[in-house]
N, C-alpha and C. Protein backbone atom coordinates (compact mmCIF):
# COMPACT_ATOMS: atom_id res chain seq x y z
N MET A 1 102.06 110.46 156.04
CA MET A 1 101.64 111.48 155.17
C MET A 1 102.50 111.02 153.90
N LYS A 2 103.53 110.64 154.09
CA LYS A 2 104.79 110.32 152.92
C LYS A 2 103.53 109.02 152.32
N GLN A 3 103.39 108.11 152.95
CA GLN A 3 102.20 107.18 152.30
C GLN A 3 101.45 107.31 151.48
N VAL A 4 100.34 108.60 152.18
CA VAL A 4 99.02 108.94 151.69
C VAL A 4 99.84 109.75 150.26
N LEU A 5 100.75 110.56 150.35
CA LEU A 5 101.71 111.26 148.87
C LEU A 5 101.17 110.05 148.01
N MET A 6 102.00 108.96 148.39
CA MET A 6 102.93 107.65 147.06
C MET A 6 101.05 107.13 147.33
N GLY A 7 100.49 106.88 147.59
CA GLY A 7 98.92 106.39 147.80
C GLY A 7 98.75 107.10 146.42
N VAL A 8 98.40 107.99 147.05
CA VAL A 8 97.37 109.33 145.92
C VAL A 8 98.21 109.28 144.31
N ALA A 9 99.43 109.49 144.31
CA ALA A 9 100.40 109.82 143.36
C ALA A 9 99.95 108.18 142.58
N PHE A 10 100.16 106.93 143.33
CA PHE A 10 100.57 105.73 142.41
C PHE A 10 98.32 105.47 141.83
N VAL A 11 97.84 106.00 142.77
CA VAL A 11 96.06 106.19 142.07
C VAL A 11 96.17 107.09 140.89
N MET A 12 96.63 108.07 140.74
CA MET A 12 96.37 109.11 140.16
C MET A 12 97.61 108.01 138.69
N ALA A 13 98.30 107.57 138.59
CA ALA A 13 99.06 107.06 137.61
C ALA A 13 98.42 106.05 136.68
N ILE A 14 98.02 104.95 137.83
CA ILE A 14 96.84 104.58 137.42
C ILE A 14 95.93 104.93 136.41
N MET A 15 95.58 105.73 136.88
CA MET A 15 94.27 106.74 135.99
C MET A 15 94.12 106.94 135.35
N ALA A 16 95.50 107.71 135.01
CA ALA A 16 96.08 108.21 133.61
C ALA A 16 96.34 106.96 132.56
N THR A 17 96.83 106.17 133.43
CA THR A 17 97.34 105.31 132.65
C THR A 17 96.08 104.22 131.85
N SER A 18 95.11 103.87 132.65
CA SER A 18 93.68 103.38 132.30
C SER A 18 93.18 104.28 131.66
N GLN A 19 92.90 105.61 131.16
CA GLN A 19 92.58 106.48 130.17
C GLN A 19 93.36 106.47 129.15
N GLN A 20 94.57 106.55 129.20
CA GLN A 20 94.92 106.35 128.20
C GLN A 20 94.69 105.32 126.91
N THR A 21 94.79 104.29 127.66
CA THR A 21 94.81 102.70 127.15
C THR A 21 92.90 102.86 126.92
N ALA A 22 92.19 103.28 127.42
CA ALA A 22 90.57 103.21 126.70
C ALA A 22 90.96 104.60 126.22
N SER A 23 91.51 105.76 125.28
CA SER A 23 91.52 106.51 124.69
C SER A 23 92.83 106.05 123.19
N ALA A 24 93.21 104.89 123.48
CA ALA A 24 94.11 104.48 122.71
C ALA A 24 92.88 103.17 121.80
N GLN A 25 92.18 102.59 122.65
CA GLN A 25 91.62 101.55 122.18
C GLN A 25 90.61 102.25 121.27
N GLN A 26 89.50 103.48 121.84
CA GLN A 26 89.03 104.14 121.00
C GLN A 26 89.14 104.42 119.47
N ALA A 27 90.22 104.93 119.51
CA ALA A 27 90.87 105.67 118.76
C ALA A 27 91.37 104.64 116.97
N ILE A 28 91.63 103.10 117.65
CA ILE A 28 91.68 102.17 116.56
C ILE A 28 90.76 102.44 115.79
N LYS A 29 90.89 102.57 114.46
CA LYS A 29 89.73 101.97 113.42
C LYS A 29 90.44 101.29 112.26
N ILE A 30 89.80 99.97 111.88
CA ILE A 30 90.15 99.39 111.31
C ILE A 30 89.38 98.85 109.82
N GLY A 31 89.71 99.13 108.56
CA GLY A 31 89.12 98.67 107.79
C GLY A 31 89.68 98.06 106.34
N TYR A 32 89.44 97.77 105.59
CA TYR A 32 89.84 97.04 104.59
C TYR A 32 89.29 97.50 102.66
N PHE A 33 90.01 97.23 102.15
CA PHE A 33 89.93 98.07 100.72
C PHE A 33 91.13 96.63 99.43
N ASP A 34 90.18 96.57 98.69
CA ASP A 34 90.55 95.53 97.58
C ASP A 34 90.83 96.78 95.91
N LEU A 35 92.18 97.01 95.89
CA LEU A 35 92.37 98.28 95.04
C LEU A 35 92.16 97.38 93.52
N GLU A 36 92.79 96.34 93.51
CA GLU A 36 92.02 95.64 91.94
C GLU A 36 90.53 95.94 91.65
N ALA A 37 90.08 95.24 92.66
CA ALA A 37 88.04 95.44 92.83
C ALA A 37 87.77 96.84 92.50
N MET A 38 88.70 97.89 92.85
CA MET A 38 88.23 99.31 92.66
C MET A 38 88.83 99.54 90.83
N ILE A 39 89.60 98.88 90.74
CA ILE A 39 89.79 99.43 90.00
C ILE A 39 88.90 98.74 88.66
N SER A 40 88.56 97.26 88.70
CA SER A 40 87.84 96.71 87.76
C SER A 40 86.24 97.57 87.48
N ILE A 41 85.97 98.23 88.47
CA ILE A 41 84.39 98.87 88.38
C ILE A 41 84.60 100.43 87.62
N MET A 42 85.59 100.77 87.67
CA MET A 42 85.55 102.05 87.00
C MET A 42 85.59 102.26 85.45
N PRO A 43 85.05 103.28 85.03
CA PRO A 43 84.44 103.37 83.63
C PRO A 43 86.19 103.31 83.35
N GLY A 44 85.79 102.96 82.07
CA GLY A 44 87.13 102.74 80.80
C GLY A 44 88.05 101.88 81.43
N ALA A 45 87.89 100.67 82.78
CA ALA A 45 89.25 99.98 82.70
C ALA A 45 88.65 98.67 82.31
N GLU A 46 87.81 98.32 81.75
CA GLU A 46 87.00 97.00 80.93
C GLU A 46 87.81 97.19 79.98
N LYS A 47 88.72 98.34 79.21
CA LYS A 47 89.10 98.43 77.51
C LYS A 47 90.70 97.83 78.15
N ILE A 48 91.00 97.38 79.19
CA ILE A 48 92.39 96.80 79.34
C ILE A 48 92.51 95.67 78.73
N ASP A 49 91.78 94.93 79.19
CA ASP A 49 92.16 93.45 78.66
C ASP A 49 91.95 93.81 77.01
N SER A 50 90.95 93.89 76.77
CA SER A 50 91.07 94.30 74.80
C SER A 50 92.34 94.92 74.49
N ILE A 51 93.01 95.33 74.98
CA ILE A 51 93.93 96.49 74.44
C ILE A 51 94.90 95.67 74.96
N LEU A 52 95.31 94.72 75.65
CA LEU A 52 96.11 94.15 76.51
C LEU A 52 95.75 92.47 74.93
N GLN A 53 95.09 92.26 74.99
CA GLN A 53 95.01 91.14 74.08
C GLN A 53 95.26 91.83 72.56
N ALA A 54 94.88 92.81 72.31
CA ALA A 54 95.79 92.95 70.89
C ALA A 54 97.07 93.89 70.95
N PHE A 55 97.84 94.24 72.09
CA PHE A 55 99.07 94.19 72.22
C PHE A 55 99.86 92.22 72.17
N SER A 56 99.63 92.46 72.73
CA SER A 56 99.74 90.45 72.72
C SER A 56 99.84 90.18 71.47
N ARG A 57 98.95 90.32 71.02
CA ARG A 57 98.76 89.34 69.34
C ARG A 57 99.09 90.59 68.14
N ASP A 58 99.08 91.47 68.60
CA ASP A 58 100.03 92.39 67.01
C ASP A 58 101.52 92.82 67.71
N SER A 59 101.52 92.68 68.71
CA SER A 59 102.98 93.88 69.11
C SER A 59 103.90 92.57 69.68
N ILE A 60 103.52 91.43 70.62
CA ILE A 60 104.54 90.58 70.81
C ILE A 60 104.58 89.18 69.96
N ASN A 61 103.40 89.05 69.89
CA ASN A 61 103.28 88.13 68.61
C ASN A 61 104.04 88.53 67.05
N ALA A 62 103.96 89.40 66.79
CA ALA A 62 104.47 90.14 65.58
C ALA A 62 105.99 90.40 65.70
N GLU A 63 106.72 90.49 66.74
CA GLU A 63 108.30 90.70 67.38
C GLU A 63 108.89 89.43 67.32
N TYR A 64 108.00 88.59 67.41
CA TYR A 64 108.11 86.74 67.96
C TYR A 64 108.51 86.53 66.47
N GLN A 65 107.78 86.84 65.45
CA GLN A 65 107.51 86.57 64.37
C GLN A 65 108.52 86.96 63.58
N PHE A 66 108.34 88.41 64.09
CA PHE A 66 110.09 88.66 63.02
C PHE A 66 111.24 88.38 63.32
N ARG A 67 111.77 88.02 64.72
CA ARG A 67 112.43 87.65 65.08
C ARG A 67 113.13 86.22 64.67
N VAL A 68 112.20 84.90 64.81
CA VAL A 68 112.30 83.95 64.33
C VAL A 68 112.73 83.76 62.65
N GLU A 69 112.15 84.84 61.86
CA GLU A 69 112.63 84.99 60.33
C GLU A 69 113.93 85.23 60.13
N GLU A 70 114.10 86.21 61.33
CA GLU A 70 115.38 86.86 60.90
C GLU A 70 116.42 86.26 61.75
N PHE A 71 116.36 85.34 62.01
CA PHE A 71 117.27 84.50 63.17
C PHE A 71 117.78 83.33 61.89
N ASN A 72 116.30 82.73 61.49
CA ASN A 72 116.82 82.08 60.35
C ASN A 72 117.68 82.30 58.92
N ARG A 73 116.66 83.92 58.50
CA ARG A 73 117.60 84.29 57.55
C ARG A 73 118.98 84.74 58.36
N ASN A 74 119.86 84.77 58.74
CA ASN A 74 120.82 85.27 59.44
C ASN A 74 121.71 83.73 59.86
N ASP A 75 121.57 83.01 59.87
CA ASP A 75 121.72 82.01 60.12
C ASP A 75 122.27 81.12 58.73
N SER A 76 121.32 81.50 58.04
CA SER A 76 121.62 80.73 56.44
C SER A 76 122.66 81.72 55.56
N THR A 77 122.64 82.63 56.22
CA THR A 77 124.01 83.71 55.65
C THR A 77 125.09 83.35 55.95
N LEU A 78 124.49 83.14 57.00
CA LEU A 78 126.28 83.03 58.17
C LEU A 78 126.71 81.51 57.85
N ARG A 79 126.00 80.52 57.30
CA ARG A 79 126.67 79.05 57.17
C ARG A 79 126.51 79.32 54.76
N ALA A 80 126.05 80.08 54.36
CA ALA A 80 126.41 79.59 53.33
C ALA A 80 127.74 80.51 52.96
N ASP A 81 128.26 81.89 54.16
CA ASP A 81 129.12 82.67 53.62
C ASP A 81 130.04 82.56 54.54
N SER A 82 130.24 81.25 55.19
CA SER A 82 131.58 81.24 56.47
C SER A 82 132.92 81.04 55.40
N ALA A 83 132.70 80.28 54.74
CA ALA A 83 134.20 80.02 53.91
C ALA A 83 134.44 80.93 53.42
N LYS A 84 133.87 82.21 52.75
CA LYS A 84 134.62 83.29 52.05
C LYS A 84 134.72 85.00 53.08
N MET A 85 134.19 84.31 54.40
CA MET A 85 134.27 85.56 55.45
C MET A 85 135.57 85.71 56.32
N PRO A 86 135.79 86.64 56.68
CA PRO A 86 137.16 86.53 57.55
C PRO A 86 137.03 86.04 58.98
N ALA A 87 138.12 85.77 59.51
CA ALA A 87 137.42 85.19 60.77
C ALA A 87 136.96 86.05 61.94
N LYS A 88 137.36 87.13 61.93
CA LYS A 88 136.71 88.13 62.88
C LYS A 88 135.30 88.52 62.58
N VAL A 89 135.46 88.65 61.41
CA VAL A 89 134.02 88.81 60.97
C VAL A 89 132.75 87.76 60.84
N TYR A 90 133.48 86.59 61.05
CA TYR A 90 132.62 85.40 61.08
C TYR A 90 132.11 85.19 62.15
N GLN A 91 132.95 85.04 63.62
CA GLN A 91 133.13 85.41 64.99
C GLN A 91 131.93 86.45 65.39
N GLU A 92 131.70 87.84 64.89
CA GLU A 92 131.20 88.66 65.34
C GLU A 92 129.24 88.33 64.85
N ARG A 93 129.54 87.82 63.74
CA ARG A 93 128.16 87.89 63.66
C ARG A 93 127.85 86.31 64.40
N LYS A 94 128.82 85.36 64.68
CA LYS A 94 127.95 84.47 65.21
C LYS A 94 127.55 84.57 66.37
N GLN A 95 128.61 85.47 67.23
CA GLN A 95 128.22 86.20 68.57
C GLN A 95 126.72 86.67 68.41
N LYS A 96 126.27 87.33 67.50
CA LYS A 96 125.38 88.10 67.27
C LYS A 96 124.00 86.45 67.04
N LEU A 97 124.12 85.92 66.24
CA LEU A 97 123.25 85.20 65.73
C LEU A 97 122.84 84.33 67.39
N PHE A 98 124.20 83.65 68.32
CA PHE A 98 123.78 83.33 69.43
C PHE A 98 122.71 84.34 70.28
N GLN A 99 123.28 85.51 70.49
CA GLN A 99 122.50 86.60 70.88
C GLN A 99 121.08 86.75 70.45
N GLU A 100 120.61 86.68 68.93
CA GLU A 100 119.49 86.20 68.88
C GLU A 100 118.66 84.89 69.58
N PHE A 101 119.76 83.77 69.30
CA PHE A 101 119.10 82.42 69.72
C PHE A 101 119.11 82.79 71.27
N TYR A 102 119.48 83.19 71.85
CA TYR A 102 119.43 83.06 73.32
C TYR A 102 117.88 83.96 73.85
N LEU A 103 117.66 85.00 73.19
CA LEU A 103 116.30 86.09 73.57
C LEU A 103 115.22 84.84 72.57
N LEU A 104 115.38 84.04 71.52
CA LEU A 104 114.20 83.17 70.93
C LEU A 104 113.81 81.96 72.67
N GLN A 105 115.34 81.98 72.80
CA GLN A 105 114.87 80.70 73.71
C GLN A 105 114.33 80.95 75.17
N ASN A 106 114.49 82.53 75.63
CA ASN A 106 113.89 83.05 76.84
C ASN A 106 112.61 83.96 76.07
N TRP A 107 112.29 84.19 75.40
CA TRP A 107 110.77 84.72 74.79
C TRP A 107 109.89 84.28 75.76
N GLN A 108 109.47 83.46 76.60
CA GLN A 108 108.31 83.55 77.27
C GLN A 108 108.36 84.80 78.39
N GLU A 109 109.53 84.33 78.79
CA GLU A 109 110.37 85.69 79.89
C GLU A 109 109.83 87.14 79.62
N TYR A 110 110.80 87.22 78.25
CA TYR A 110 110.93 88.22 77.98
C TYR A 110 109.59 89.43 77.36
N SER A 111 108.34 88.43 76.85
CA SER A 111 107.19 88.69 75.99
C SER A 111 106.04 89.17 77.23
N GLN A 112 106.54 87.93 79.06
CA GLN A 112 105.87 87.87 80.01
C GLN A 112 106.23 90.01 80.39
N GLN A 113 107.35 90.03 80.75
CA GLN A 113 108.02 91.21 81.11
C GLN A 113 107.49 92.58 80.19
N MET A 114 107.50 91.91 78.72
CA MET A 114 106.85 93.21 77.91
C MET A 114 105.23 93.79 78.27
N TYR A 115 104.50 92.09 78.40
CA TYR A 115 103.21 92.46 78.85
C TYR A 115 102.82 93.27 80.00
N GLN A 116 103.61 92.63 81.43
CA GLN A 116 103.67 93.25 82.72
C GLN A 116 103.64 94.55 82.50
N GLU A 117 104.67 95.32 81.44
CA GLU A 117 104.81 96.76 81.65
C GLU A 117 103.77 97.02 80.88
N LYS A 118 103.28 96.83 79.92
CA LYS A 118 102.16 97.64 78.83
C LYS A 118 100.79 97.46 80.23
N GLN A 119 100.60 96.35 80.80
CA GLN A 119 99.47 96.16 81.49
C GLN A 119 99.70 97.59 82.73
N GLN A 120 100.89 97.73 83.30
CA GLN A 120 101.74 98.97 83.95
C GLN A 120 101.01 100.29 83.78
N GLN A 121 101.55 100.14 82.61
CA GLN A 121 101.02 101.77 81.73
C GLN A 121 99.80 102.05 81.87
N LEU A 122 98.67 100.97 80.86
CA LEU A 122 97.27 100.94 81.01
C LEU A 122 96.91 101.20 82.56
N VAL A 123 97.26 100.63 83.22
CA VAL A 123 96.25 100.87 84.30
C VAL A 123 96.59 101.37 85.59
N ALA A 124 97.60 102.20 85.33
CA ALA A 124 98.54 103.54 86.33
C ALA A 124 97.70 104.47 86.43
N PRO A 125 97.28 105.44 85.26
CA PRO A 125 95.98 106.25 85.56
C PRO A 125 94.69 105.83 86.46
N TYR A 126 94.03 104.57 86.22
CA TYR A 126 93.23 103.94 87.25
C TYR A 126 93.32 104.52 88.67
N ALA A 127 94.70 103.45 88.78
CA ALA A 127 95.19 103.14 90.28
C ALA A 127 95.75 104.55 90.78
N GLN A 128 96.12 105.46 90.22
CA GLN A 128 96.46 106.49 90.74
C GLN A 128 95.20 107.34 91.19
N LYS A 129 94.24 107.58 90.68
CA LYS A 129 92.88 108.19 91.12
C LYS A 129 92.02 107.25 92.01
N ALA A 130 92.30 106.11 91.93
CA ALA A 130 91.80 105.04 92.94
C ALA A 130 92.77 105.54 94.32
N ILE A 131 93.78 104.93 94.64
CA ILE A 131 94.50 105.62 95.42
C ILE A 131 94.71 106.71 96.42
N GLU A 132 94.36 107.79 95.19
CA GLU A 132 94.35 109.21 95.97
C GLU A 132 92.72 109.77 96.48
N ALA A 133 91.89 108.55 96.12
CA ALA A 133 90.47 108.89 96.73
C ALA A 133 90.36 108.03 97.74
N PHE A 134 91.65 106.88 98.08
CA PHE A 134 91.50 105.51 98.99
C PHE A 134 91.79 106.65 99.86
N LYS A 135 92.65 107.77 100.03
CA LYS A 135 93.87 107.66 101.06
C LYS A 135 92.81 109.38 101.29
N ALA A 136 91.86 110.15 100.87
CA ALA A 136 91.22 111.17 101.12
C ALA A 136 89.54 110.25 101.80
N VAL A 137 89.10 109.48 101.41
CA VAL A 137 88.68 107.90 102.56
C VAL A 137 89.21 108.08 103.69
N VAL A 138 90.35 107.84 103.76
CA VAL A 138 90.85 107.41 105.26
C VAL A 138 91.05 108.11 105.86
N LYS A 139 91.47 109.51 105.44
CA LYS A 139 92.19 110.65 106.21
C LYS A 139 90.24 110.83 106.78
N GLU A 140 89.23 110.84 106.16
CA GLU A 140 88.02 111.57 106.51
C GLU A 140 87.51 110.79 107.25
N ALA A 141 87.22 110.04 107.58
CA ALA A 141 86.59 108.29 108.52
C ALA A 141 87.56 108.36 109.35
N LYS A 142 89.01 109.02 109.36
CA LYS A 142 89.60 108.19 110.46
C LYS A 142 89.85 106.98 110.61
N TYR A 143 90.24 106.21 109.17
CA TYR A 143 91.02 104.72 109.67
C TYR A 143 92.37 104.86 110.03
N THR A 144 92.41 104.03 111.22
CA THR A 144 93.88 104.08 111.75
C THR A 144 95.21 103.21 111.07
N HIS A 145 93.88 102.19 110.55
CA HIS A 145 94.69 101.18 110.23
C HIS A 145 93.57 100.11 108.82
N VAL A 146 94.45 99.76 107.52
CA VAL A 146 93.80 99.21 106.45
C VAL A 146 94.34 98.47 106.04
N PHE A 147 93.71 97.31 105.72
CA PHE A 147 94.23 95.82 105.21
C PHE A 147 93.59 96.18 103.57
N ARG A 148 94.49 95.01 102.93
CA ARG A 148 93.66 94.56 101.82
C ARG A 148 92.59 93.70 102.28
N SER A 149 92.04 93.37 101.15
CA SER A 149 90.43 92.67 101.69
C SER A 149 90.82 91.34 101.62
N ASP A 150 91.76 90.38 101.50
CA ASP A 150 92.03 89.41 100.91
C ASP A 150 92.79 88.49 102.44
N VAL A 151 93.22 89.39 103.12
CA VAL A 151 93.62 89.08 104.34
C VAL A 151 92.49 88.67 105.67
N PHE A 152 91.45 89.32 105.30
CA PHE A 152 90.65 88.48 106.28
C PHE A 152 89.69 87.70 105.97
N TYR A 153 89.50 86.61 106.87
CA TYR A 153 87.99 85.51 106.50
C TYR A 153 87.03 85.82 106.45
N GLU A 154 86.70 86.65 107.56
CA GLU A 154 85.53 87.36 107.61
C GLU A 154 85.61 88.82 108.40
N ALA A 155 84.64 89.88 107.67
CA ALA A 155 85.00 91.56 108.28
C ALA A 155 83.60 91.61 107.88
N PRO A 156 83.31 92.44 108.97
CA PRO A 156 81.51 92.94 108.11
C PRO A 156 82.13 94.18 107.49
N GLU A 157 80.86 94.20 106.69
CA GLU A 157 80.78 95.07 105.09
C GLU A 157 80.86 96.37 105.35
N ALA A 158 80.98 96.76 106.72
CA ALA A 158 80.57 98.39 107.49
C ALA A 158 82.03 99.03 107.16
N ASP A 159 83.08 97.99 107.46
CA ASP A 159 84.49 97.91 107.03
C ASP A 159 85.07 98.01 106.21
N ASN A 160 84.28 98.10 104.73
CA ASN A 160 84.68 97.65 103.26
C ASN A 160 84.76 99.15 103.01
N LEU A 161 86.02 99.72 102.92
CA LEU A 161 86.28 100.84 101.92
C LEU A 161 85.64 101.28 100.45
N LEU A 162 85.57 100.06 99.63
CA LEU A 162 85.26 99.81 98.60
C LEU A 162 84.09 100.94 98.08
N PRO A 163 83.03 100.69 98.71
CA PRO A 163 81.82 101.92 98.56
C PRO A 163 82.41 102.77 98.80
N MET A 164 83.12 103.23 99.90
CA MET A 164 83.34 104.85 99.98
C MET A 164 84.30 105.32 99.14
N VAL A 165 85.29 104.83 98.82
CA VAL A 165 85.41 105.02 97.81
C VAL A 165 85.22 105.34 95.98
N ALA A 166 84.59 104.61 95.40
CA ALA A 166 83.38 104.36 94.77
C ALA A 166 83.09 105.47 94.95
N LYS A 167 82.06 105.97 96.04
CA LYS A 167 81.27 107.15 95.46
C LYS A 167 82.16 108.22 95.55
N LYS A 168 83.33 108.19 96.11
CA LYS A 168 84.04 109.43 96.27
C LYS A 168 84.49 109.92 94.63
N LEU A 169 85.13 108.47 93.78
CA LEU A 169 85.31 108.79 92.40
C LEU A 169 84.04 108.69 91.46
N GLY A 170 82.79 108.88 92.56
CA GLY A 170 81.65 108.73 90.91
C GLY A 170 81.07 107.06 90.78
N VAL A 171 81.79 106.18 91.14
CA VAL A 171 81.29 105.14 90.45
C VAL A 171 80.48 104.24 91.19
N LYS A 172 79.77 103.57 90.38
CA LYS A 172 78.48 102.75 90.79
C LYS A 172 79.19 101.80 91.34
N VAL A 173 78.65 100.67 92.33
CA VAL A 173 79.46 100.06 93.24
C VAL A 173 78.44 98.49 92.42
N PRO A 174 79.01 97.82 91.86
CA PRO A 174 77.37 96.75 91.14
C PRO A 174 76.78 95.86 92.56
N PRO A 175 75.82 95.39 92.28
CA PRO A 175 75.34 94.71 93.79
C PRO A 175 76.10 93.39 93.93
N PRO A 176 76.15 92.63 94.98
CA PRO A 176 77.13 91.59 95.02
C PRO A 176 76.02 90.11 94.51
N PRO A 177 76.77 88.91 93.91
CA PRO A 177 76.20 88.44 93.54
C PRO A 177 75.34 87.36 94.10
N LYS A 178 74.02 86.85 94.01
CA LYS A 178 73.33 86.60 94.29
C LYS A 178 73.72 85.22 94.98
N GLN A 179 73.50 84.91 96.16
CA GLN A 179 74.56 83.24 96.39
C GLN A 179 73.23 82.31 96.61
N ASN A 180 73.10 81.16 96.28
CA ASN A 180 72.14 80.25 96.79
C ASN A 180 72.25 79.49 97.92
């Protein structure tokens, strides 16, 4: 009798485990999404590049020119007046000039940082809308795993969430380019 009960318990445990495994396998739903591609097709996003070019030309480059002229003026003034000024004032101005020089030497890094901050500022509203729509699609379609589209070498088009997110946002997805 003990053996029969143990056998029944063993069979029930195997059945329960196999049902859990089967339901877990059925519940997994994988998709992929490209946030940058979604943002690029959103209305108004095409203006971001031209705004960034204008920002680079009108703000970053203009500021660089101003700082170079300011550095040259301060350098000339320091050289011309160095004999007349007290040592402490001379050291303070020399230190300030060194800071200006350091900024000019590292201008590429500084300008990239300003450019990226401006880019993030301009892209943020589009990204926020796309992410909200993306989260809604994931929840509605019951996806358990969503990856960036660039992690797959090959994936079925049906698992691409971009068309669903675009539909949720009311954005028309352009047709894929024809390949010869």
